[in-house]
Protein backbone atom coordinates (compact mmCIF):
# COMPACT_ATOMS: atom_id res chain seq x y z
CA MET A 1 0.00 0.00 0.00
CA SER A 2 1.54 3.28 -1.09
CA GLY A 3 -0.08 5.85 1.21
CA VAL A 4 -0.83 9.55 0.88
CA GLN A 5 2.79 10.45 0.10
CA ASP A 6 2.46 8.66 -3.27
CA SER A 7 -0.15 11.02 -4.66
CA LYS A 8 -0.44 9.37 -8.08
CA VAL A 9 -1.52 5.93 -6.82
CA ILE A 10 -4.97 4.63 -5.87
CA ASP A 11 -4.18 2.66 -2.71
CA LEU A 12 -7.09 0.22 -2.65
CA VAL A 13 -10.47 -0.35 -4.31
CA THR A 14 -13.03 -2.66 -2.71
CA THR A 15 -16.79 -3.16 -2.63
CA ARG A 16 -19.50 -3.27 -0.02
CA GLU A 17 -22.07 -5.46 -1.72
CA ALA A 18 -24.69 -5.01 1.01
CA GLU A 19 -24.56 -1.24 0.41
CA ASN A 20 -24.17 -1.48 -3.39
CA ALA A 21 -21.04 0.66 -2.99
CA VAL A 22 -17.50 0.76 -4.28
CA VAL A 23 -14.94 2.10 -1.80
CA LEU A 24 -11.72 3.83 -2.81
CA ILE A 25 -9.39 3.77 0.17
CA MET A 26 -6.38 5.97 0.82
CA VAL A 27 -4.07 5.09 3.68
CA GLU A 28 -1.91 7.31 5.91
CA THR A 29 0.35 5.62 8.46
CA ARG A 30 2.42 8.67 9.42
CA SER A 31 1.67 11.14 12.19
CA TRP A 32 -0.25 14.23 11.04
CA GLY A 33 2.12 16.56 12.89
CA ASP A 34 1.10 19.85 14.48
CA GLU A 35 1.28 22.26 11.55
CA GLY A 36 -0.58 20.49 8.74
CA GLU A 37 2.61 19.08 7.27
CA LEU A 38 0.76 16.42 5.26
CA LEU A 39 -2.09 18.57 3.96
CA LEU A 40 -0.57 19.30 0.56
CA GLN A 41 0.05 15.59 -0.03
CA LEU A 42 -3.47 14.78 1.12
CA GLN A 43 -4.88 17.38 -1.27
CA GLU A 44 -2.87 15.95 -4.17
CA LYS A 45 -4.10 12.46 -3.30
CA PHE A 46 -7.71 13.64 -3.32
CA HIS A 47 -7.19 15.16 -6.78
CA THR A 48 -5.85 11.82 -8.02
CA TYR A 49 -8.89 9.99 -6.67
CA LEU A 50 -11.29 12.54 -8.16
CA ASP A 51 -9.58 12.35 -11.55
CA PHE A 52 -9.73 8.54 -11.40
CA ILE A 53 -13.49 8.73 -10.80
CA GLU A 54 -14.42 11.65 -13.07
CA GLN A 55 -12.34 10.55 -16.06
CA GLY A 56 -13.98 7.12 -16.02
CA GLU A 57 -10.89 5.14 -14.99
CA LEU A 58 -12.71 3.61 -12.02
CA VAL A 59 -15.35 2.00 -14.25
CA ARG A 60 -12.82 1.09 -16.97
CA LYS A 61 -10.59 -0.74 -14.51
CA PHE A 62 -13.43 -2.05 -12.32
CA PRO A 63 -16.52 -2.52 -14.53
CA ALA A 64 -18.51 -3.83 -11.55
CA ALA A 65 -18.30 -0.30 -10.08
CA LYS A 66 -20.73 1.01 -12.70
CA GLY A 67 -23.91 2.24 -11.08
CA LYS A 68 -22.66 1.77 -7.52
CA GLN A 69 -22.51 4.42 -4.82
CA ILE A 70 -18.92 5.72 -4.53
CA VAL A 71 -17.24 6.11 -1.15
CA VAL A 72 -13.82 7.69 -0.66
CA ARG A 73 -12.34 6.51 2.62
CA LEU A 74 -9.25 7.72 4.46
CA ASP A 75 -7.79 5.14 6.84
CA THR A 76 -5.23 6.62 9.23
CA LYS A 77 -2.88 5.63 12.02
CA GLU A 78 -4.18 8.46 14.18
CA ALA A 79 -7.29 10.61 14.09
CA PRO A 80 -6.99 13.72 11.94
CA GLY A 81 -6.32 16.92 13.86
CA ASP A 82 -8.29 20.15 13.51
CA LEU A 83 -6.43 21.26 10.38
CA GLU A 84 -6.94 17.91 8.68
CA MET A 85 -10.62 17.73 9.68
CA ASN A 86 -11.17 21.23 8.31
CA PHE A 87 -9.59 20.11 5.04
CA LEU A 88 -11.72 16.93 4.93
CA ARG A 89 -14.91 18.91 5.55
CA ALA A 90 -13.98 21.36 2.78
CA ALA A 91 -13.04 18.55 0.38
CA ASN A 92 -16.33 16.86 1.12
CA SER A 93 -18.49 19.95 0.62
CA GLU A 94 -16.58 21.35 -2.38
CA TRP A 95 -15.53 18.25 -4.32
CA LEU A 96 -17.28 15.07 -3.20
CA SER A 97 -20.82 15.93 -2.11
CA PRO A 98 -21.62 17.69 -5.41
CA LEU A 99 -20.76 14.38 -7.15
CA SER A 100 -22.83 12.34 -4.64
CA ILE A 101 -19.64 10.73 -3.32
CA THR A 102 -19.53 9.84 0.38
CA LEU A 103 -16.41 10.68 2.39
CA GLU A 104 -15.45 8.74 5.49
CA TRP A 105 -12.40 8.02 7.58
CA GLY A 106 -11.42 5.35 10.03
CA LEU A 107 -8.53 4.34 12.23
CA LEU A 108 -6.29 1.49 11.13
CA GLU A 109 -5.85 0.18 14.67
CA PRO A 110 -8.67 -1.76 16.31
CA GLY A 111 -10.50 -0.22 19.23
CA PRO A 112 -9.84 -1.15 22.88
CA ASP A 113 -12.25 -4.06 22.54
CA GLY A 114 -10.24 -5.49 19.63
CA GLN A 115 -13.01 -4.75 17.14
CA PRO A 116 -12.49 -2.55 14.06
CA ARG A 117 -13.33 1.07 14.69
CA ALA A 118 -16.54 2.40 13.22
CA ASN A 119 -16.53 4.47 10.05
CA GLN A 120 -16.72 8.19 10.58
CA VAL A 121 -18.75 9.84 7.84
CA ILE A 122 -17.59 13.40 7.23
């Protein structure tokens, strides 16, 4: 898995059959830092994902994605800080929501009970 630092790569594509959705996942395993150090890379990664969707590459490479709800998911080592959450909210309202794309994030580590952490819809 390449991660946010490799802005030209789609990290993972999967489906949620029960939801009739295709999920494009980006992964960040580094610390966010205190000053928004990763925001530019995150923005570039979002542009790659949007281009992949809007230019039809998603359906060309994954024909089963046609007609499914699209979810862009950010899985991270640690919860996004205020700067990152502000960016995610803006990306959602400006880029994704107008295209009826759902944005969510989740933590890579399981919760204290050992179960996967719940999705957080932005």
